[in-house]
Amino acid sequence: MISTVTRGRLVAAGISLALIATACGSPTPQDEDPDQNQGAETQQGAENPLRQPEFESDDLIRMPVALVASAPPEDGTAVSDAEIARTEPFGCGSVLSIVETVPLRTEDPAVSALEYLLSLQTSTHVRAGYSNPLAGSAELSVESVELHGGQVMVALGGVPVSPGYCESWQILKQIETTARAATGAASAEVLVGDVPLAQTWGLEDSAPLTITEIN
């Protein structure tokens, strides 16, 4: 199944992390669709227990977005009440927290989740326990999101900005993980100007991350 939606529906720049919901709870799972919502293991062993949020057209739903966890608890408990899942460590030892936004109106959760993530302008959220290196790439835009079986393809416009090697890993995995969390895909590829972002930044072995739900 292929779903392509152009950018242009969501919020303007300036949305802060304060808009992320403080109520805990996972999105209501959809009935499993082998073409659209595959969270099974990939060849790399990654898992994704999350599914695309169930919604009717123009519904208000909570979007999953991936932020860097500043100091995730070692006992596996949530960084905040908004956290619903977490990735395995990657890159320079970073870990991503998947958190839910406040309810937003959407026609496509994947596009809306990515637009919300790109709209966040603050890079550090010490009180909430997260950081957001994507804040430096304010000119990025979502051109399309296409789901092919178990892989979601994200095409971005603009110029990605990264202050360093570790941040490049974080930004790539923020986008990939947000797209996977919003679609249930087992893997993701991010393109900027038809070139994989991983290739642009020289990030090798960019396998999908295992995602674990927070109980």
N, C-alpha and C. Protein backbone atom coordinates (compact mmCIF):
# COMPACT_ATOMS: atom_id res chain seq x y z
N MET A 1 0.86 -1.19 0.00
CA MET A 1 0.00 0.00 0.00
C MET A 1 0.89 1.23 0.00
N ILE A 2 0.52 2.23 -0.78
CA ILE A 2 1.31 3.45 -0.86
C ILE A 2 0.42 4.61 -0.46
N SER A 3 0.94 5.43 0.47
CA SER A 3 0.21 6.62 0.89
C SER A 3 1.14 7.80 0.78
N THR A 4 0.84 8.72 -0.13
CA THR A 4 1.69 9.88 -0.34
C THR A 4 0.89 11.14 -0.04
N VAL A 5 1.46 11.99 0.81
CA VAL A 5 0.78 13.21 1.18
C VAL A 5 1.79 14.33 1.21
N THR A 6 1.47 15.44 0.62
CA THR A 6 2.40 16.56 0.62
C THR A 6 2.25 17.35 1.90
N ARG A 7 3.34 18.08 2.22
CA ARG A 7 3.38 18.89 3.43
C ARG A 7 2.45 20.07 3.33
N GLY A 8 1.98 20.55 4.49
CA GLY A 8 1.26 21.80 4.44
C GLY A 8 0.07 21.85 5.34
N ARG A 9 -0.17 20.85 6.22
CA ARG A 9 -1.38 20.89 7.02
C ARG A 9 -1.15 21.26 8.47
N LEU A 10 0.06 21.06 8.97
CA LEU A 10 0.19 21.07 10.42
C LEU A 10 0.56 22.45 10.94
N VAL A 11 1.22 22.47 12.06
CA VAL A 11 1.46 23.68 12.80
C VAL A 11 2.57 24.51 12.20
N ALA A 12 2.57 25.81 12.52
CA ALA A 12 3.67 26.68 12.12
C ALA A 12 4.81 26.50 13.10
N ALA A 13 5.98 27.06 12.72
CA ALA A 13 7.14 26.94 13.60
C ALA A 13 6.87 27.63 14.92
N GLY A 14 7.55 27.15 15.96
CA GLY A 14 7.42 27.78 17.26
C GLY A 14 6.70 26.93 18.27
N ILE A 15 6.25 25.73 17.89
CA ILE A 15 5.60 24.85 18.87
C ILE A 15 6.64 24.37 19.84
N SER A 16 6.39 24.42 21.13
CA SER A 16 7.36 24.00 22.14
C SER A 16 7.02 22.62 22.65
N LEU A 17 7.97 22.03 23.37
CA LEU A 17 7.75 20.69 23.91
C LEU A 17 6.66 20.68 24.96
N ALA A 18 6.27 21.85 25.44
CA ALA A 18 5.19 21.90 26.41
C ALA A 18 3.89 21.37 25.85
N LEU A 19 3.78 21.33 24.52
CA LEU A 19 2.57 20.81 23.90
C LEU A 19 2.48 19.31 23.94
N ILE A 20 3.61 18.63 24.28
CA ILE A 20 3.57 17.18 24.35
C ILE A 20 2.75 16.76 25.55
N ALA A 21 1.87 15.82 25.35
CA ALA A 21 0.92 15.43 26.38
C ALA A 21 1.63 14.85 27.58
N THR A 22 1.06 15.08 28.77
CA THR A 22 1.59 14.51 29.99
C THR A 22 0.82 13.28 30.41
N ALA A 23 -0.27 12.99 29.72
CA ALA A 23 -1.01 11.77 30.05
C ALA A 23 -0.35 10.60 29.38
N CYS A 24 -0.17 9.49 30.13
CA CYS A 24 0.50 8.33 29.57
C CYS A 24 -0.50 7.46 28.85
N GLY A 25 0.02 6.48 28.10
CA GLY A 25 -0.84 5.53 27.42
C GLY A 25 -0.46 5.42 25.97
N SER A 26 -0.56 4.20 25.43
CA SER A 26 -0.18 3.94 24.06
C SER A 26 -1.35 4.17 23.14
N PRO A 27 -1.09 4.46 21.84
CA PRO A 27 -2.17 4.61 20.89
C PRO A 27 -2.95 3.32 20.78
N THR A 28 -4.23 3.42 20.46
CA THR A 28 -5.04 2.24 20.29
C THR A 28 -4.59 1.49 19.06
N PRO A 29 -4.20 0.20 19.19
CA PRO A 29 -3.68 -0.52 18.03
C PRO A 29 -4.76 -0.72 16.97
N GLN A 30 -4.33 -0.72 15.71
CA GLN A 30 -5.22 -1.08 14.63
C GLN A 30 -5.20 -2.58 14.44
N ASP A 31 -6.21 -3.11 13.78
CA ASP A 31 -6.14 -4.50 13.37
C ASP A 31 -4.93 -4.67 12.49
N GLU A 32 -4.22 -5.77 12.66
CA GLU A 32 -2.97 -5.96 11.94
C GLU A 32 -3.20 -6.07 10.45
N ASP A 33 -2.44 -5.31 9.70
CA ASP A 33 -2.49 -5.30 8.24
C ASP A 33 -1.11 -5.68 7.75
N PRO A 34 -0.95 -6.85 7.13
CA PRO A 34 0.38 -7.28 6.73
C PRO A 34 1.05 -6.36 5.73
N ASP A 35 0.28 -5.56 4.99
CA ASP A 35 0.88 -4.66 4.02
C ASP A 35 1.29 -3.33 4.63
N GLN A 36 0.56 -2.90 5.68
CA GLN A 36 0.77 -1.54 6.17
C GLN A 36 1.41 -1.50 7.55
N ASN A 37 1.10 -2.45 8.41
CA ASN A 37 1.55 -2.35 9.80
C ASN A 37 2.38 -3.56 10.18
N GLN A 38 3.58 -3.62 9.69
CA GLN A 38 4.45 -4.74 10.00
C GLN A 38 5.47 -4.32 11.02
N GLY A 39 5.32 -4.83 12.25
CA GLY A 39 6.28 -4.55 13.30
C GLY A 39 7.10 -5.77 13.61
N ALA A 40 7.06 -6.78 12.75
CA ALA A 40 7.80 -8.00 13.00
C ALA A 40 9.28 -7.76 12.82
N GLU A 41 10.08 -8.79 13.16
CA GLU A 41 11.52 -8.67 13.04
C GLU A 41 11.92 -8.50 11.59
N THR A 42 12.93 -7.66 11.36
CA THR A 42 13.53 -7.54 10.05
C THR A 42 14.76 -8.44 10.02
N GLN A 43 15.46 -8.45 8.89
CA GLN A 43 16.67 -9.26 8.79
C GLN A 43 17.72 -8.79 9.78
N GLN A 44 17.67 -7.52 10.17
CA GLN A 44 18.64 -7.00 11.11
C GLN A 44 18.23 -7.29 12.56
N GLY A 45 17.06 -7.85 12.78
CA GLY A 45 16.63 -8.20 14.12
C GLY A 45 15.87 -7.11 14.84
N ALA A 46 15.59 -5.96 14.17
CA ALA A 46 14.88 -4.87 14.83
C ALA A 46 13.41 -5.21 14.98
N GLU A 47 12.79 -4.71 16.03
CA GLU A 47 11.38 -4.93 16.27
C GLU A 47 10.67 -3.60 16.47
N ASN A 48 9.39 -3.59 16.13
CA ASN A 48 8.56 -2.40 16.31
C ASN A 48 7.19 -2.85 16.77
N PRO A 49 6.90 -2.75 18.07
CA PRO A 49 5.60 -3.19 18.57
C PRO A 49 4.49 -2.16 18.36
N LEU A 50 4.84 -0.97 17.87
CA LEU A 50 3.85 0.10 17.71
C LEU A 50 3.14 -0.03 16.38
N ARG A 51 1.91 0.48 16.34
CA ARG A 51 1.11 0.47 15.13
C ARG A 51 0.61 1.88 14.83
N GLN A 52 0.23 2.10 13.59
CA GLN A 52 -0.35 3.40 13.24
C GLN A 52 -1.55 3.67 14.13
N PRO A 53 -1.64 4.89 14.70
CA PRO A 53 -2.80 5.22 15.53
C PRO A 53 -4.10 5.04 14.77
N GLU A 54 -5.09 4.48 15.42
CA GLU A 54 -6.40 4.29 14.80
C GLU A 54 -7.12 5.63 14.74
N PHE A 55 -7.65 5.98 13.59
CA PHE A 55 -8.28 7.29 13.47
C PHE A 55 -9.27 7.30 12.32
N GLU A 56 -10.22 8.21 12.43
CA GLU A 56 -11.11 8.53 11.33
C GLU A 56 -10.60 9.80 10.67
N SER A 57 -10.99 10.04 9.43
CA SER A 57 -10.54 11.23 8.73
C SER A 57 -10.85 12.49 9.54
N ASP A 58 -9.85 13.33 9.70
CA ASP A 58 -9.98 14.61 10.39
C ASP A 58 -10.16 14.45 11.89
N ASP A 59 -9.77 13.28 12.43
CA ASP A 59 -9.85 13.06 13.88
C ASP A 59 -8.77 13.83 14.62
N LEU A 60 -8.98 14.00 15.93
CA LEU A 60 -7.95 14.48 16.83
C LEU A 60 -7.30 13.26 17.47
N ILE A 61 -5.99 13.07 17.26
CA ILE A 61 -5.29 11.96 17.87
C ILE A 61 -3.92 12.44 18.36
N ARG A 62 -3.31 11.65 19.23
CA ARG A 62 -1.97 11.95 19.74
C ARG A 62 -0.93 11.36 18.79
N MET A 63 0.05 12.17 18.40
CA MET A 63 1.08 11.72 17.46
C MET A 63 2.31 11.23 18.22
N PRO A 64 2.94 10.15 17.74
CA PRO A 64 4.21 9.72 18.34
C PRO A 64 5.38 10.44 17.69
N VAL A 65 6.26 11.03 18.50
CA VAL A 65 7.46 11.66 17.97
C VAL A 65 8.66 11.19 18.78
N ALA A 66 9.82 11.10 18.14
CA ALA A 66 11.04 10.59 18.78
C ALA A 66 11.96 11.74 19.16
N LEU A 67 12.33 11.79 20.43
CA LEU A 67 13.28 12.77 20.94
C LEU A 67 14.42 12.03 21.64
N VAL A 68 15.56 12.69 21.74
CA VAL A 68 16.72 12.07 22.39
C VAL A 68 16.52 12.12 23.90
N ALA A 69 16.62 10.96 24.54
CA ALA A 69 16.50 10.90 26.00
C ALA A 69 17.82 11.33 26.62
N SER A 70 17.78 12.39 27.43
CA SER A 70 19.01 12.92 28.01
C SER A 70 19.67 11.93 28.96
N ALA A 71 18.86 11.30 29.79
CA ALA A 71 19.38 10.33 30.76
C ALA A 71 18.29 9.31 31.08
N PRO A 72 18.06 8.34 30.18
CA PRO A 72 16.99 7.36 30.40
C PRO A 72 17.26 6.52 31.64
N PRO A 73 16.25 6.27 32.49
CA PRO A 73 16.45 5.45 33.68
C PRO A 73 16.93 4.05 33.33
N GLU A 74 17.86 3.52 34.11
CA GLU A 74 18.42 2.20 33.84
C GLU A 74 17.42 1.09 34.13
N ASP A 75 16.40 1.36 34.94
CA ASP A 75 15.44 0.32 35.28
C ASP A 75 14.33 0.18 34.24
N GLY A 76 14.40 0.94 33.14
CA GLY A 76 13.42 0.81 32.08
C GLY A 76 12.14 1.58 32.30
N THR A 77 12.05 2.37 33.38
CA THR A 77 10.86 3.18 33.61
C THR A 77 10.87 4.39 32.69
N ALA A 78 9.72 5.06 32.60
CA ALA A 78 9.57 6.16 31.65
C ALA A 78 10.35 7.40 32.08
N VAL A 79 10.88 8.12 31.09
CA VAL A 79 11.53 9.41 31.35
C VAL A 79 10.49 10.42 31.82
N SER A 80 9.30 10.39 31.20
CA SER A 80 8.20 11.27 31.58
C SER A 80 6.90 10.53 31.34
N ASP A 81 5.79 11.12 31.78
CA ASP A 81 4.48 10.49 31.59
C ASP A 81 4.09 10.40 30.13
N ALA A 82 4.72 11.20 29.28
CA ALA A 82 4.37 11.20 27.85
C ALA A 82 5.08 10.10 27.08
N GLU A 83 6.09 9.46 27.68
CA GLU A 83 6.87 8.46 26.95
C GLU A 83 6.09 7.15 26.83
N ILE A 84 6.01 6.62 25.62
CA ILE A 84 5.30 5.37 25.39
C ILE A 84 6.22 4.24 24.94
N ALA A 85 7.42 4.58 24.45
CA ALA A 85 8.35 3.56 23.97
C ALA A 85 9.75 4.15 23.93
N ARG A 86 10.74 3.25 23.74
CA ARG A 86 12.13 3.67 23.74
C ARG A 86 12.91 2.78 22.79
N THR A 87 13.97 3.33 22.19
CA THR A 87 14.80 2.53 21.29
C THR A 87 15.99 1.94 22.02
N GLU A 88 16.64 1.01 21.35
CA GLU A 88 17.93 0.52 21.83
C GLU A 88 18.98 1.60 21.61
N PRO A 89 20.14 1.53 22.29
CA PRO A 89 21.20 2.51 22.07
C PRO A 89 21.74 2.43 20.63
N PHE A 90 22.23 3.55 20.12
CA PHE A 90 22.76 3.61 18.75
C PHE A 90 23.78 4.73 18.66
N GLY A 91 24.47 4.80 17.51
CA GLY A 91 25.40 5.91 17.26
C GLY A 91 26.44 6.06 18.35
N CYS A 92 26.40 7.17 19.05
CA CYS A 92 27.35 7.45 20.12
C CYS A 92 26.79 7.07 21.49
N GLY A 93 25.96 6.04 21.52
CA GLY A 93 25.35 5.61 22.77
C GLY A 93 24.05 6.31 23.09
N SER A 94 23.45 6.98 22.10
CA SER A 94 22.19 7.69 22.31
C SER A 94 21.02 6.73 22.39
N VAL A 95 19.95 7.19 23.02
CA VAL A 95 18.69 6.45 23.11
C VAL A 95 17.57 7.43 22.79
N LEU A 96 16.58 6.99 22.01
CA LEU A 96 15.43 7.82 21.69
C LEU A 96 14.22 7.43 22.53
N SER A 97 13.50 8.42 23.01
CA SER A 97 12.21 8.21 23.66
C SER A 97 11.11 8.58 22.66
N ILE A 98 10.12 7.73 22.54
CA ILE A 98 8.95 8.04 21.71
C ILE A 98 7.87 8.57 22.63
N VAL A 99 7.49 9.81 22.42
CA VAL A 99 6.51 10.47 23.28
C VAL A 99 5.29 10.86 22.46
N GLU A 100 4.18 11.06 23.15
CA GLU A 100 2.94 11.44 22.47
C GLU A 100 2.71 12.94 22.58
N THR A 101 2.25 13.54 21.50
CA THR A 101 1.89 14.95 21.50
C THR A 101 0.50 15.12 22.12
N VAL A 102 0.11 16.36 22.28
CA VAL A 102 -1.29 16.65 22.59
C VAL A 102 -2.13 16.23 21.40
N PRO A 103 -3.43 16.04 21.56
CA PRO A 103 -4.28 15.65 20.42
C PRO A 103 -4.22 16.69 19.30
N LEU A 104 -4.00 16.20 18.08
CA LEU A 104 -3.93 17.06 16.91
C LEU A 104 -4.85 16.51 15.82
N ARG A 105 -5.35 17.40 14.99
CA ARG A 105 -6.21 16.97 13.90
C ARG A 105 -5.35 16.52 12.72
N THR A 106 -5.69 15.39 12.13
CA THR A 106 -4.85 14.86 11.07
C THR A 106 -5.66 14.08 10.04
N GLU A 107 -5.12 14.00 8.85
CA GLU A 107 -5.62 13.10 7.83
C GLU A 107 -4.63 11.99 7.57
N ASP A 108 -3.39 12.15 8.09
CA ASP A 108 -2.35 11.14 7.92
C ASP A 108 -1.40 11.23 9.11
N PRO A 109 -1.41 10.26 10.03
CA PRO A 109 -0.59 10.34 11.24
C PRO A 109 0.90 10.44 10.97
N ALA A 110 1.40 9.74 9.96
CA ALA A 110 2.84 9.76 9.69
C ALA A 110 3.30 11.14 9.26
N VAL A 111 2.59 11.74 8.32
CA VAL A 111 2.94 13.08 7.86
C VAL A 111 2.82 14.09 9.00
N SER A 112 1.73 14.01 9.75
CA SER A 112 1.51 14.95 10.84
C SER A 112 2.56 14.80 11.94
N ALA A 113 2.93 13.57 12.27
CA ALA A 113 3.94 13.35 13.30
C ALA A 113 5.29 13.92 12.88
N LEU A 114 5.67 13.71 11.62
CA LEU A 114 6.94 14.24 11.13
C LEU A 114 6.91 15.76 11.05
N GLU A 115 5.80 16.32 10.61
CA GLU A 115 5.69 17.78 10.56
C GLU A 115 5.77 18.38 11.96
N TYR A 116 5.15 17.72 12.92
CA TYR A 116 5.22 18.21 14.30
C TYR A 116 6.67 18.17 14.80
N LEU A 117 7.35 17.04 14.55
CA LEU A 117 8.74 16.91 14.99
C LEU A 117 9.61 18.01 14.37
N LEU A 118 9.46 18.25 13.07
CA LEU A 118 10.27 19.27 12.41
C LEU A 118 9.92 20.68 12.85
N SER A 119 8.72 20.86 13.41
CA SER A 119 8.31 22.20 13.83
C SER A 119 8.85 22.59 15.20
N LEU A 120 9.34 21.63 15.98
CA LEU A 120 9.85 21.93 17.31
C LEU A 120 11.12 22.76 17.21
N GLN A 121 11.13 23.93 17.83
CA GLN A 121 12.24 24.88 17.67
C GLN A 121 13.24 24.85 18.80
N THR A 122 12.93 24.19 19.91
CA THR A 122 13.83 24.17 21.06
C THR A 122 14.69 22.93 21.02
N SER A 123 16.00 23.09 21.23
CA SER A 123 16.92 21.96 21.11
C SER A 123 17.11 21.21 22.42
N THR A 124 16.90 21.86 23.55
CA THR A 124 17.06 21.18 24.84
C THR A 124 15.82 21.36 25.68
N HIS A 125 15.46 20.29 26.37
CA HIS A 125 14.29 20.29 27.23
C HIS A 125 14.70 19.60 28.52
N VAL A 126 15.54 20.28 29.30
CA VAL A 126 16.15 19.67 30.47
C VAL A 126 15.11 19.18 31.44
N ARG A 127 14.10 19.99 31.70
CA ARG A 127 13.08 19.62 32.67
C ARG A 127 12.34 18.35 32.25
N ALA A 128 12.09 18.22 30.96
CA ALA A 128 11.37 17.05 30.48
C ALA A 128 12.29 15.84 30.28
N GLY A 129 13.59 16.06 30.26
CA GLY A 129 14.53 14.96 30.10
C GLY A 129 14.84 14.60 28.66
N TYR A 130 14.63 15.54 27.73
CA TYR A 130 14.85 15.26 26.32
C TYR A 130 15.69 16.35 25.66
N SER A 131 16.32 16.00 24.53
CA SER A 131 16.95 17.00 23.68
C SER A 131 16.48 16.76 22.25
N ASN A 132 16.63 17.78 21.41
CA ASN A 132 16.09 17.73 20.06
C ASN A 132 17.08 18.36 19.08
N PRO A 133 18.10 17.59 18.64
CA PRO A 133 19.07 18.16 17.70
C PRO A 133 18.47 18.57 16.37
N LEU A 134 17.27 18.10 16.04
CA LEU A 134 16.61 18.50 14.80
C LEU A 134 16.22 19.97 14.78
N ALA A 135 16.24 20.62 15.94
CA ALA A 135 15.83 22.03 16.00
C ALA A 135 16.71 22.91 15.12
N GLY A 136 17.93 22.48 14.83
CA GLY A 136 18.82 23.26 13.97
C GLY A 136 18.50 23.15 12.50
N SER A 137 17.59 22.24 12.14
CA SER A 137 17.22 22.05 10.73
C SER A 137 15.82 22.59 10.47
N ALA A 138 15.61 23.84 10.82
CA ALA A 138 14.28 24.44 10.74
C ALA A 138 13.75 24.54 9.32
N GLU A 139 14.63 24.48 8.32
CA GLU A 139 14.19 24.63 6.94
C GLU A 139 13.75 23.31 6.31
N LEU A 140 13.88 22.21 7.01
CA LEU A 140 13.44 20.93 6.45
C LEU A 140 11.92 20.88 6.35
N SER A 141 11.43 20.18 5.34
CA SER A 141 9.99 20.02 5.16
C SER A 141 9.70 18.61 4.70
N VAL A 142 8.49 18.14 4.99
CA VAL A 142 8.07 16.81 4.57
C VAL A 142 7.47 16.91 3.17
N GLU A 143 8.06 16.25 2.21
CA GLU A 143 7.53 16.26 0.85
C GLU A 143 6.59 15.08 0.61
N SER A 144 6.94 13.92 1.14
CA SER A 144 6.06 12.77 0.99
C SER A 144 6.44 11.69 1.98
N VAL A 145 5.45 10.84 2.28
CA VAL A 145 5.66 9.65 3.10
C VAL A 145 4.98 8.49 2.38
N GLU A 146 5.74 7.47 2.04
CA GLU A 146 5.20 6.34 1.30
C GLU A 146 5.49 5.06 2.05
N LEU A 147 4.46 4.23 2.20
CA LEU A 147 4.61 2.96 2.89
C LEU A 147 4.58 1.83 1.89
N HIS A 148 5.68 1.09 1.81
CA HIS A 148 5.80 -0.05 0.90
C HIS A 148 6.00 -1.30 1.75
N GLY A 149 4.93 -2.06 1.94
CA GLY A 149 5.05 -3.24 2.77
C GLY A 149 5.48 -2.86 4.18
N GLY A 150 6.62 -3.37 4.61
CA GLY A 150 7.10 -3.09 5.96
C GLY A 150 8.08 -1.94 6.04
N GLN A 151 8.30 -1.19 4.94
CA GLN A 151 9.24 -0.07 4.97
C GLN A 151 8.53 1.23 4.66
N VAL A 152 8.84 2.27 5.44
CA VAL A 152 8.30 3.60 5.18
C VAL A 152 9.41 4.46 4.59
N MET A 153 9.08 5.13 3.47
CA MET A 153 10.03 6.01 2.78
C MET A 153 9.63 7.45 3.04
N VAL A 154 10.57 8.22 3.58
CA VAL A 154 10.32 9.62 3.92
C VAL A 154 11.16 10.50 3.01
N ALA A 155 10.52 11.36 2.23
CA ALA A 155 11.22 12.31 1.37
C ALA A 155 11.11 13.70 1.98
N LEU A 156 12.27 14.33 2.21
CA LEU A 156 12.31 15.65 2.81
C LEU A 156 12.85 16.67 1.82
N GLY A 157 12.41 17.92 1.98
CA GLY A 157 12.96 19.02 1.22
C GLY A 157 13.77 19.91 2.15
N GLY A 158 14.66 20.71 1.60
CA GLY A 158 15.46 21.60 2.41
C GLY A 158 16.86 21.07 2.63
N VAL A 159 17.55 21.69 3.59
CA VAL A 159 18.94 21.33 3.88
C VAL A 159 19.06 20.90 5.33
N PRO A 160 19.41 19.63 5.59
CA PRO A 160 19.58 19.20 6.97
C PRO A 160 20.86 19.79 7.56
N VAL A 161 20.80 20.16 8.83
CA VAL A 161 21.94 20.77 9.51
C VAL A 161 22.29 19.93 10.73
N SER A 162 23.56 19.62 10.87
CA SER A 162 24.02 18.85 12.03
C SER A 162 25.32 19.44 12.54
N PRO A 163 25.44 19.66 13.86
CA PRO A 163 26.68 20.21 14.40
C PRO A 163 27.81 19.20 14.53
N GLY A 164 27.51 17.90 14.39
CA GLY A 164 28.58 16.92 14.57
C GLY A 164 28.13 15.51 14.25
N TYR A 165 29.07 14.57 14.33
CA TYR A 165 28.82 13.18 13.96
C TYR A 165 27.73 12.55 14.83
N CYS A 166 27.82 12.71 16.14
CA CYS A 166 26.83 12.11 17.04
C CYS A 166 25.44 12.67 16.79
N GLU A 167 25.35 13.98 16.57
CA GLU A 167 24.06 14.61 16.30
C GLU A 167 23.48 14.13 14.96
N SER A 168 24.35 13.83 14.00
CA SER A 168 23.86 13.32 12.72
C SER A 168 23.14 11.99 12.92
N TRP A 169 23.72 11.11 13.73
CA TRP A 169 23.04 9.86 14.05
C TRP A 169 21.70 10.12 14.72
N GLN A 170 21.68 11.05 15.67
CA GLN A 170 20.45 11.33 16.42
C GLN A 170 19.36 11.86 15.50
N ILE A 171 19.70 12.79 14.61
CA ILE A 171 18.72 13.38 13.71
C ILE A 171 18.15 12.32 12.76
N LEU A 172 19.03 11.52 12.16
CA LEU A 172 18.57 10.47 11.25
C LEU A 172 17.60 9.53 11.96
N LYS A 173 17.98 9.09 13.15
CA LYS A 173 17.14 8.12 13.86
C LYS A 173 15.88 8.76 14.43
N GLN A 174 15.91 10.05 14.75
CA GLN A 174 14.67 10.74 15.15
C GLN A 174 13.63 10.66 14.04
N ILE A 175 14.06 10.96 12.82
CA ILE A 175 13.13 10.96 11.68
C ILE A 175 12.66 9.54 11.38
N GLU A 176 13.61 8.61 11.29
CA GLU A 176 13.25 7.22 11.00
C GLU A 176 12.28 6.66 12.04
N THR A 177 12.61 6.87 13.31
CA THR A 177 11.82 6.27 14.38
C THR A 177 10.45 6.90 14.49
N THR A 178 10.35 8.20 14.27
CA THR A 178 9.04 8.85 14.26
C THR A 178 8.17 8.28 13.16
N ALA A 179 8.73 8.11 11.96
CA ALA A 179 7.98 7.55 10.84
C ALA A 179 7.54 6.12 11.13
N ARG A 180 8.42 5.33 11.71
CA ARG A 180 8.08 3.94 12.04
C ARG A 180 7.01 3.88 13.13
N ALA A 181 7.13 4.73 14.15
CA ALA A 181 6.15 4.72 15.24
C ALA A 181 4.76 5.11 14.76
N ALA A 182 4.69 5.98 13.75
CA ALA A 182 3.40 6.46 13.25
C ALA A 182 2.78 5.55 12.21
N THR A 183 3.55 4.57 11.71
CA THR A 183 3.03 3.69 10.67
C THR A 183 3.06 2.21 11.05
N GLY A 184 3.87 1.85 12.06
CA GLY A 184 4.06 0.46 12.40
C GLY A 184 5.09 -0.22 11.52
N ALA A 185 5.81 0.53 10.69
CA ALA A 185 6.78 -0.06 9.77
C ALA A 185 7.96 -0.67 10.50
N ALA A 186 8.53 -1.71 9.91
CA ALA A 186 9.68 -2.38 10.50
C ALA A 186 10.98 -1.63 10.21
N SER A 187 11.00 -0.84 9.14
CA SER A 187 12.21 -0.09 8.78
C SER A 187 11.81 1.21 8.10
N ALA A 188 12.79 2.09 7.94
CA ALA A 188 12.53 3.38 7.29
C ALA A 188 13.75 3.83 6.53
N GLU A 189 13.52 4.60 5.47
CA GLU A 189 14.61 5.26 4.75
C GLU A 189 14.25 6.72 4.58
N VAL A 190 15.23 7.59 4.86
CA VAL A 190 15.01 9.04 4.77
C VAL A 190 15.80 9.58 3.60
N LEU A 191 15.11 10.26 2.68
CA LEU A 191 15.75 10.85 1.50
C LEU A 191 15.66 12.37 1.56
N VAL A 192 16.73 13.02 1.20
CA VAL A 192 16.74 14.47 1.03
C VAL A 192 17.26 14.74 -0.37
N GLY A 193 16.38 15.27 -1.23
CA GLY A 193 16.77 15.48 -2.62
C GLY A 193 17.11 14.17 -3.32
N ASP A 194 16.35 13.14 -3.05
CA ASP A 194 16.51 11.81 -3.66
C ASP A 194 17.78 11.08 -3.23
N VAL A 195 18.51 11.63 -2.26
CA VAL A 195 19.72 10.97 -1.76
C VAL A 195 19.47 10.55 -0.31
N PRO A 196 19.79 9.31 0.06
CA PRO A 196 19.60 8.89 1.45
C PRO A 196 20.37 9.79 2.41
N LEU A 197 19.72 10.22 3.47
CA LEU A 197 20.37 11.09 4.45
C LEU A 197 21.56 10.38 5.08
N ALA A 198 21.45 9.08 5.31
CA ALA A 198 22.56 8.32 5.88
C ALA A 198 23.79 8.41 4.97
N GLN A 199 23.57 8.35 3.67
CA GLN A 199 24.68 8.44 2.71
C GLN A 199 25.27 9.84 2.70
N THR A 200 24.41 10.87 2.74
CA THR A 200 24.88 12.26 2.74
C THR A 200 25.81 12.53 3.91
N TRP A 201 25.49 11.97 5.07
CA TRP A 201 26.29 12.21 6.27
C TRP A 201 27.31 11.11 6.55
N GLY A 202 27.42 10.14 5.66
CA GLY A 202 28.42 9.09 5.83
C GLY A 202 28.18 8.20 7.03
N LEU A 203 26.91 7.90 7.29
CA LEU A 203 26.55 7.05 8.43
C LEU A 203 26.39 5.62 7.93
N GLU A 204 27.32 4.75 8.28
CA GLU A 204 27.29 3.38 7.82
C GLU A 204 26.50 2.49 8.78
N ASP A 205 26.07 1.35 8.28
CA ASP A 205 25.34 0.35 9.07
C ASP A 205 24.14 0.99 9.77
N SER A 206 23.35 1.74 9.00
CA SER A 206 22.19 2.42 9.57
C SER A 206 20.98 1.49 9.58
N ALA A 207 21.06 0.43 10.37
CA ALA A 207 19.97 -0.54 10.48
C ALA A 207 18.84 0.03 11.34
N PRO A 208 17.60 -0.43 11.14
CA PRO A 208 16.50 0.05 11.99
C PRO A 208 16.72 -0.34 13.44
N LEU A 209 16.25 0.51 14.34
CA LEU A 209 16.44 0.28 15.77
C LEU A 209 15.28 -0.55 16.32
N THR A 210 15.59 -1.39 17.29
CA THR A 210 14.55 -2.09 18.02
C THR A 210 13.83 -1.11 18.93
N ILE A 211 12.51 -1.14 18.89
CA ILE A 211 11.67 -0.27 19.71
C ILE A 211 11.00 -1.12 20.79
N THR A 212 11.05 -0.65 22.03
CA THR A 212 10.43 -1.38 23.14
C THR A 212 9.40 -0.47 23.81
N GLU A 213 8.21 -0.99 24.02
CA GLU A 213 7.17 -0.22 24.70
C GLU A 213 7.51 -0.05 26.18
N ILE A 214 7.09 1.08 26.74
CA ILE A 214 7.28 1.35 28.17
C ILE A 214 6.00 0.95 28.89
N ASN A 215 6.11 0.08 29.86
CA ASN A 215 4.93 -0.37 30.61
C ASN A 215 4.61 0.59 31.74
